[in-house]
Amino acid sequence: MIDFRSDTVTQPTQAMRLAMASAEVGDDVYGDDPTVNDLQEMAADMFGFDSALFVSSGTQANLLALMAHCERGDEYICGQQAHNYKFEGGGAAVLGSIQPQPLTNQADGTILLAEIAAAIKPDDVHFARTRLLSLENTIGGKVLPQAYLAQAQTLAFDKGLKIHLDGARVANAAVAQGIKISDITQYFDSVSICLSKGLSAPVGSILLGDERLIAKAVRWRKMLGGGMRQVGILAAAAKLALTEQVERLSEDHANALFLAQGLAEMTAFSVDLQQVQTNIVFATLDKSYDPKRLTQALLKYNIHISAGTTVRFVTHKDISQQDVLHLLKVLTPCLAESRLVK
């Protein structure tokens, strides 16, 4: 099966499987798992933070960050398209009693700094207390400019806010710019990094922050049922995700651009090539085609996509250029099969 739905479908490498099989483990709730401890120390050192915490998912990492930065009745500012606002079940509001203040994401993924400043509430009992600015990089596959991150950090500091990065795909952002991940994370008080997307670990994310924030996150993780026991088995793969899988993301970016160029040549799709910066391609399907029929037609060729008038194709470790060529080849008969009869 060639799966373009997401880079979450990546399979662990053989090296990861071997490392998992031989991992030294202990009870992580007691802080006794040596492999987890090594991963956390390594990640904190790599990305320039005091501490790190290995958690089960990116959603949990973001939620822990929000709950560690904010108290009940506080507010965080984010983008309308932010994952921790739009796609994480409203966890901050439901579980943290934290109010989101979503603002419009511009075409390049940024939020206008003037709009952020205007959204910060005055110190008044009528308003939620604005405590945090949350950004996402990449967002929709787009890379936030380094200059923008520096300006956002300055704004947050000047306004007395903390600043968090949902860096689920921050490795893609770094590789796309030819810089180190730490060049991006330096602008933030906390960062979440997903290890089970393009970096191919089977499970897990890392939350980075200072010792105080991570200590609060540990308590919230336990309360939310996220404490794990002999989880060094997973941390062993996560370590290899950070040390062996980052540089090869450039292959995924090249395959995404190759795919986007091929789709742009088809009258059935509309693609903005300027927006294809990393491993995600958004292609708008012409209204004369049924996306559900297209999805079913492609399954006959063992190709998975997600149905929708805008189709998101995501390239990753388990998709080669030959797989992209195969998709482009079979799209013609599949589109014919999915065309609506007028």
Protein backbone atom coordinates (compact mmCIF):
# COMPACT_ATOMS: atom_id res chain seq x y z
CA MET A 1 0.00 0.00 0.00
CA ILE A 2 1.27 3.46 -0.96
CA ASP A 3 -0.17 5.78 1.67
CA PHE A 4 -0.30 9.53 0.95
CA ARG A 5 -2.71 10.37 3.79
CA SER A 6 -0.09 11.51 6.30
CA ASP A 7 3.50 11.06 7.44
CA THR A 8 2.07 9.52 10.61
CA VAL A 9 1.83 6.22 8.70
CA THR A 10 5.62 5.81 8.48
CA GLN A 11 6.93 2.43 9.58
CA PRO A 12 9.85 2.22 12.05
CA THR A 13 13.20 1.44 10.46
CA GLN A 14 14.93 -1.89 10.94
CA ALA A 15 17.48 -0.15 13.17
CA MET A 16 14.63 1.12 15.32
CA ARG A 17 13.14 -2.35 15.63
CA LEU A 18 16.49 -3.76 16.72
CA ALA A 19 17.03 -0.94 19.23
CA MET A 20 13.56 -1.48 20.67
CA ALA A 21 14.16 -5.20 21.07
CA SER A 22 17.33 -4.66 23.11
CA ALA A 23 16.43 -1.43 24.96
CA GLU A 24 17.35 -1.15 28.62
CA VAL A 25 14.18 -0.20 30.51
CA GLY A 26 12.84 0.78 33.91
CA ASP A 27 9.73 2.39 35.39
CA ASP A 28 9.51 5.85 33.84
CA VAL A 29 6.90 7.10 36.34
CA TYR A 30 9.60 6.66 38.98
CA GLY A 31 12.11 8.25 36.60
CA ASP A 32 13.97 4.93 36.45
CA ASP A 33 13.97 4.21 32.72
CA PRO A 34 17.54 4.82 31.51
CA THR A 35 16.65 4.91 27.82
CA VAL A 36 13.94 7.52 28.39
CA ASN A 37 16.31 9.56 30.54
CA ASP A 38 18.98 9.40 27.82
CA LEU A 39 16.47 10.53 25.19
CA GLN A 40 15.26 13.44 27.30
CA GLU A 41 18.78 14.62 28.14
CA MET A 42 19.88 14.25 24.52
CA ALA A 43 16.87 16.21 23.19
CA ALA A 44 17.28 19.02 25.74
CA ASP A 45 20.95 19.35 24.81
CA MET A 46 20.32 19.18 21.04
CA PHE A 47 17.66 21.87 21.06
CA GLY A 48 18.97 24.22 23.73
CA PHE A 49 16.64 23.63 26.67
CA ASP A 50 17.09 22.80 30.34
CA SER A 51 14.72 19.83 30.32
CA ALA A 52 12.64 17.57 28.10
CA LEU A 53 9.76 15.14 28.60
CA PHE A 54 8.91 12.11 26.46
CA VAL A 55 5.14 11.80 25.98
CA SER A 56 2.78 9.64 23.99
CA SER A 57 1.70 12.11 21.29
CA GLY A 58 1.99 15.60 19.87
CA THR A 59 -1.51 16.40 21.10
CA GLN A 60 -0.46 15.51 24.64
CA ALA A 61 2.77 17.50 24.34
CA ASN A 62 0.88 20.61 23.23
CA LEU A 63 -1.77 20.20 25.93
CA LEU A 64 0.86 19.78 28.65
CA ALA A 65 2.64 22.92 27.43
CA LEU A 66 -0.56 24.97 27.47
CA MET A 67 -1.54 23.71 30.92
CA ALA A 68 1.96 24.28 32.28
CA HIS A 69 2.13 27.84 30.96
CA CYS A 70 -1.45 28.84 31.81
CA GLU A 71 -3.83 28.65 34.77
CA ARG A 72 -7.62 28.31 34.71
CA GLY A 73 -9.16 31.40 33.15
CA ASP A 74 -6.03 32.30 31.22
CA GLU A 75 -5.86 32.69 27.45
CA TYR A 76 -3.49 31.69 24.68
CA ILE A 77 -3.24 33.35 21.27
CA CYS A 78 -2.84 31.11 18.22
CA GLY A 79 -3.77 30.87 14.55
CA GLN A 80 -7.17 29.83 13.23
CA GLN A 81 -5.43 26.91 11.51
CA ALA A 82 -3.32 25.96 14.53
CA HIS A 83 -3.37 22.25 15.27
CA ASN A 84 -3.67 22.83 19.01
CA TYR A 85 -6.78 24.94 18.40
CA LYS A 86 -8.50 23.23 15.48
CA PHE A 87 -7.53 19.56 15.56
CA GLU A 88 -6.90 18.57 19.18
CA GLY A 89 -10.43 18.19 20.49
CA GLY A 90 -10.56 21.49 22.36
CA GLY A 91 -8.38 19.95 25.07
CA ALA A 92 -7.03 23.25 26.38
CA ALA A 93 -10.55 24.53 27.04
CA VAL A 94 -12.04 21.22 28.19
CA LEU A 95 -9.22 19.99 30.40
CA GLY A 96 -7.27 23.14 31.21
CA SER A 97 -10.05 25.77 31.36
CA ILE A 98 -7.80 27.81 29.06
CA GLN A 99 -9.45 30.10 26.53
CA PRO A 100 -8.05 30.10 22.99
CA GLN A 101 -7.93 33.38 21.08
CA PRO A 102 -7.53 32.31 17.44
CA LEU A 103 -6.38 34.85 14.86
CA THR A 104 -6.23 34.67 11.07
CA ASN A 105 -3.28 32.83 9.56
CA GLN A 106 -1.89 34.67 6.55
CA ALA A 107 -1.18 32.85 3.29
CA ASP A 108 2.39 32.16 4.44
CA GLY A 109 1.21 30.70 7.74
CA THR A 110 2.17 33.67 9.90
CA ILE A 111 -0.12 35.72 12.14
CA LEU A 112 0.18 39.48 11.76
CA LEU A 113 2.17 40.82 14.70
CA ALA A 114 -0.10 43.87 14.92
CA GLU A 115 -3.11 41.57 15.29
CA ILE A 116 -1.35 39.60 18.02
CA ALA A 117 -0.58 42.80 19.91
CA ALA A 118 -4.16 44.03 19.52
CA ALA A 119 -5.57 40.72 20.82
CA ILE A 120 -3.67 40.85 24.12
CA LYS A 121 -6.20 41.63 26.85
CA PRO A 122 -5.67 44.45 29.35
CA ASP A 123 -5.22 43.57 33.03
CA ASP A 124 -8.91 43.82 33.89
CA VAL A 125 -11.27 41.45 35.73
CA HIS A 126 -13.60 41.46 32.73
CA PHE A 127 -11.10 39.62 30.53
CA ALA A 128 -9.27 36.34 30.44
CA ARG A 129 -5.59 36.85 31.21
CA THR A 130 -3.47 36.59 28.07
CA ARG A 131 -0.48 34.46 29.02
CA LEU A 132 0.86 32.70 25.93
CA LEU A 133 1.49 33.04 22.20
CA SER A 134 1.47 29.71 20.35
CA LEU A 135 2.87 29.33 16.82
CA GLU A 136 3.21 26.31 14.54
CA ASN A 137 6.13 25.51 12.21
CA THR A 138 5.62 24.04 9.70
CA ILE A 139 1.95 24.90 9.33
CA GLY A 140 0.15 23.33 6.39
CA GLY A 141 3.62 22.37 5.14
CA LYS A 142 4.72 26.02 5.06
CA VAL A 143 7.83 27.29 6.83
CA LEU A 144 7.66 30.33 9.09
CA PRO A 145 10.53 32.74 8.28
CA GLN A 146 13.31 33.00 10.85
CA ALA A 147 12.99 36.80 10.92
CA TYR A 148 9.30 36.44 11.80
CA LEU A 149 10.10 34.09 14.69
CA ALA A 150 12.58 36.60 16.08
CA GLN A 151 10.00 39.38 15.83
CA ALA A 152 7.33 37.22 17.47
CA GLN A 153 9.70 36.39 20.32
CA THR A 154 10.44 40.08 20.86
CA LEU A 155 6.74 40.92 20.86
CA ALA A 156 5.99 38.17 23.39
CA PHE A 157 8.81 39.33 25.66
CA ASP A 158 7.79 42.98 25.46
CA LYS A 159 4.17 42.09 26.29
CA GLY A 160 5.05 39.74 29.14
CA LEU A 161 3.91 36.60 27.33
CA LYS A 162 5.50 33.20 27.05
CA ILE A 163 5.85 31.74 23.55
CA HIS A 164 5.25 28.09 22.57
CA LEU A 165 6.02 26.29 19.32
CA ASP A 166 3.97 23.41 18.04
CA GLY A 167 6.94 21.96 16.21
CA ALA A 168 5.36 18.70 15.12
CA ARG A 169 7.23 19.06 11.83
CA VAL A 170 9.93 21.50 12.93
CA ALA A 171 12.56 19.13 11.51
CA ASN A 172 10.99 19.65 8.08
CA ALA A 173 11.18 23.41 8.60
CA ALA A 174 14.86 23.20 9.52
CA VAL A 175 15.80 20.92 6.61
CA ALA A 176 13.91 23.10 4.12
CA GLN A 177 15.98 26.10 5.22
CA GLY A 178 19.29 24.29 5.52
CA ILE A 179 19.60 25.15 9.22
CA LYS A 180 19.64 23.26 12.52
CA ILE A 181 16.45 22.59 14.46
CA SER A 182 17.97 24.52 17.37
CA ASP A 183 18.15 27.60 15.13
CA ILE A 184 14.34 27.55 15.21
CA THR A 185 13.72 26.41 18.78
CA GLN A 186 15.93 29.17 20.20
CA TYR A 187 13.04 31.63 19.89
CA PHE A 188 10.64 29.72 22.17
CA ASP A 189 10.02 29.07 25.86
CA SER A 190 8.63 25.63 25.05
CA VAL A 191 8.54 23.38 21.99
CA SER A 192 6.76 20.14 21.12
CA ILE A 193 8.37 17.89 18.51
CA CYS A 194 6.61 14.87 17.03
CA LEU A 195 8.86 11.85 16.51
CA SER A 196 6.26 9.58 14.91
CA LYS A 197 5.54 11.58 11.76
CA GLY A 198 8.26 11.95 9.16
CA LEU A 199 10.95 10.91 11.65
CA SER A 200 9.43 7.40 11.67
CA ALA A 201 9.38 6.48 15.36
CA PRO A 202 6.35 4.28 16.13
CA VAL A 203 5.08 6.44 19.02
CA GLY A 204 5.94 9.61 20.86
CA SER A 205 6.71 13.31 21.05
CA ILE A 206 9.14 15.42 23.05
CA LEU A 207 8.18 18.50 25.06
CA LEU A 208 11.03 20.94 25.71
CA GLY A 209 11.18 23.70 28.30
CA ASP A 210 12.83 24.93 31.46
CA GLU A 211 12.92 22.80 34.61
CA ARG A 212 9.88 24.49 36.15
CA LEU A 213 7.70 24.01 33.08
CA ILE A 214 8.71 20.37 32.62
CA ALA A 215 8.08 19.66 36.33
CA LYS A 216 4.54 21.00 35.93
CA ALA A 217 4.13 19.01 32.71
CA VAL A 218 5.16 15.81 34.51
CA ARG A 219 2.42 16.37 37.09
CA TRP A 220 -0.21 17.12 34.42
CA ARG A 221 0.90 14.11 32.37
CA LYS A 222 0.35 11.83 35.36
CA MET A 223 -3.04 13.37 36.10
CA LEU A 224 -4.13 12.88 32.49
CA GLY A 225 -3.14 9.21 32.55
CA GLY A 226 -0.04 9.73 30.46
CA GLY A 227 2.47 8.21 32.88
CA MET A 228 4.17 5.26 31.20
CA ARG A 229 6.20 2.40 32.66
CA GLN A 230 8.87 0.49 30.67
CA VAL A 231 8.58 2.98 27.84
CA GLY A 232 12.28 2.87 27.04
CA ILE A 233 11.28 0.37 24.36
CA LEU A 234 9.70 3.30 22.50
CA ALA A 235 12.32 5.84 23.54
CA ALA A 236 15.01 3.70 21.89
CA ALA A 237 13.32 4.25 18.53
CA ALA A 238 12.72 7.92 19.32
CA LYS A 239 16.45 8.48 19.83
CA LEU A 240 17.14 7.13 16.34
CA ALA A 241 14.39 9.34 14.95
CA LEU A 242 16.37 12.38 16.08
CA THR A 243 19.81 11.11 15.11
CA GLU A 244 19.17 9.21 11.86
CA GLN A 245 15.98 10.49 10.24
CA VAL A 246 16.24 14.27 10.06
CA GLU A 247 18.57 14.84 7.10
CA ARG A 248 16.71 12.44 4.83
CA LEU A 249 13.58 14.64 5.03
CA SER A 250 14.99 16.50 2.03
CA GLU A 251 14.04 13.45 -0.06
CA ASP A 252 10.42 13.83 1.06
CA HIS A 253 10.47 17.50 0.11
CA ALA A 254 11.83 16.70 -3.35
CA ASN A 255 9.17 14.03 -3.87
CA ALA A 256 6.43 16.43 -2.77
CA LEU A 257 7.54 19.05 -5.29
CA PHE A 258 7.78 16.40 -8.01
CA LEU A 259 4.25 15.28 -7.18
CA ALA A 260 2.93 18.84 -7.12
CA GLN A 261 4.43 19.57 -10.53
CA GLY A 262 2.81 16.45 -11.94
CA LEU A 263 -0.59 17.31 -10.46
CA ALA A 264 -0.34 20.88 -11.77
CA GLU A 265 -0.16 19.53 -15.30
CA MET A 266 -3.54 17.82 -14.89
CA THR A 267 -6.68 19.82 -15.64
CA ALA A 268 -8.49 17.99 -12.81
CA PHE A 269 -6.27 19.59 -10.16
CA SER A 270 -5.29 23.10 -9.16
CA VAL A 271 -2.00 23.40 -7.26
CA ASP A 272 -0.14 26.47 -6.00
CA LEU A 273 3.48 25.39 -6.38
CA GLN A 274 4.67 28.33 -4.27
CA GLN A 275 2.96 26.77 -1.27
CA VAL A 276 4.79 23.45 -1.61
CA GLN A 277 7.74 24.08 0.67
CA THR A 278 8.19 20.79 2.52
CA ASN A 279 6.42 17.42 2.33
CA ILE A 280 2.76 18.44 2.02
CA VAL A 281 0.87 19.12 -1.21
CA PHE A 282 -2.64 20.57 -1.30
CA ALA A 283 -4.43 20.00 -4.61
CA THR A 284 -7.93 21.32 -5.28
CA LEU A 285 -10.02 18.81 -7.20
CA ASP A 286 -12.24 20.18 -9.96
CA LYS A 287 -15.95 20.08 -9.06
CA SER A 288 -16.66 17.75 -11.96
CA TYR A 289 -15.03 14.90 -10.01
CA ASP A 290 -16.26 13.03 -6.94
CA PRO A 291 -13.45 12.86 -4.32
CA LYS A 292 -14.94 9.77 -2.67
CA ARG A 293 -15.06 7.93 -5.99
CA LEU A 294 -11.47 8.97 -6.65
CA THR A 295 -10.39 7.61 -3.29
CA GLN A 296 -12.09 4.29 -3.96
CA ALA A 297 -10.67 4.07 -7.48
CA LEU A 298 -7.12 4.62 -6.21
CA LEU A 299 -7.54 1.91 -3.57
CA LYS A 300 -7.81 -0.59 -6.43
CA TYR A 301 -4.19 0.34 -7.19
CA ASN A 302 -3.22 0.07 -3.51
CA ILE A 303 -2.95 3.84 -3.12
CA HIS A 304 -4.41 5.62 -0.08
CA ILE A 305 -5.50 9.28 -0.13
CA SER A 306 -7.98 11.24 1.99
CA ALA A 307 -11.24 12.26 0.31
CA GLY A 308 -12.08 15.94 -0.06
CA THR A 309 -12.47 18.72 -2.60
CA THR A 310 -8.97 19.70 -1.51
CA VAL A 311 -6.78 16.62 -1.40
CA ARG A 312 -3.78 16.64 0.94
CA PHE A 313 -0.91 14.47 -0.27
CA VAL A 314 1.90 13.89 2.24
CA THR A 315 5.24 12.36 1.26
CA HIS A 316 7.40 10.49 3.75
CA LYS A 317 10.09 7.83 4.22
CA ASP A 318 7.93 5.03 2.84
CA ILE A 319 7.10 6.83 -0.42
CA SER A 320 9.69 6.82 -3.20
CA GLN A 321 9.84 8.81 -6.42
CA GLN A 322 8.72 5.62 -8.18
CA ASP A 323 5.64 5.58 -5.95
CA VAL A 324 4.89 9.16 -6.96
CA LEU A 325 5.28 8.24 -10.62
CA HIS A 326 2.92 5.31 -10.12
CA LEU A 327 0.30 7.62 -8.56
CA LEU A 328 0.56 10.13 -11.40
CA LYS A 329 0.22 7.33 -13.95
CA VAL A 330 -2.90 5.73 -12.47
CA LEU A 331 -4.61 9.04 -11.68
CA THR A 332 -5.76 9.35 -15.30
CA PRO A 333 -7.97 6.22 -15.31
CA CYS A 334 -9.04 6.87 -11.71
CA LEU A 335 -10.15 10.40 -12.56
CA ALA A 336 -12.13 9.07 -15.51
CA GLU A 337 -13.84 6.63 -13.16
CA SER A 338 -14.67 9.36 -10.63
CA ARG A 339 -15.99 11.98 -13.08
CA LEU A 340 -19.53 13.08 -12.33
CA VAL A 341 -22.07 12.49 -15.09
CA LYS A 342 -23.68 15.71 -16.30
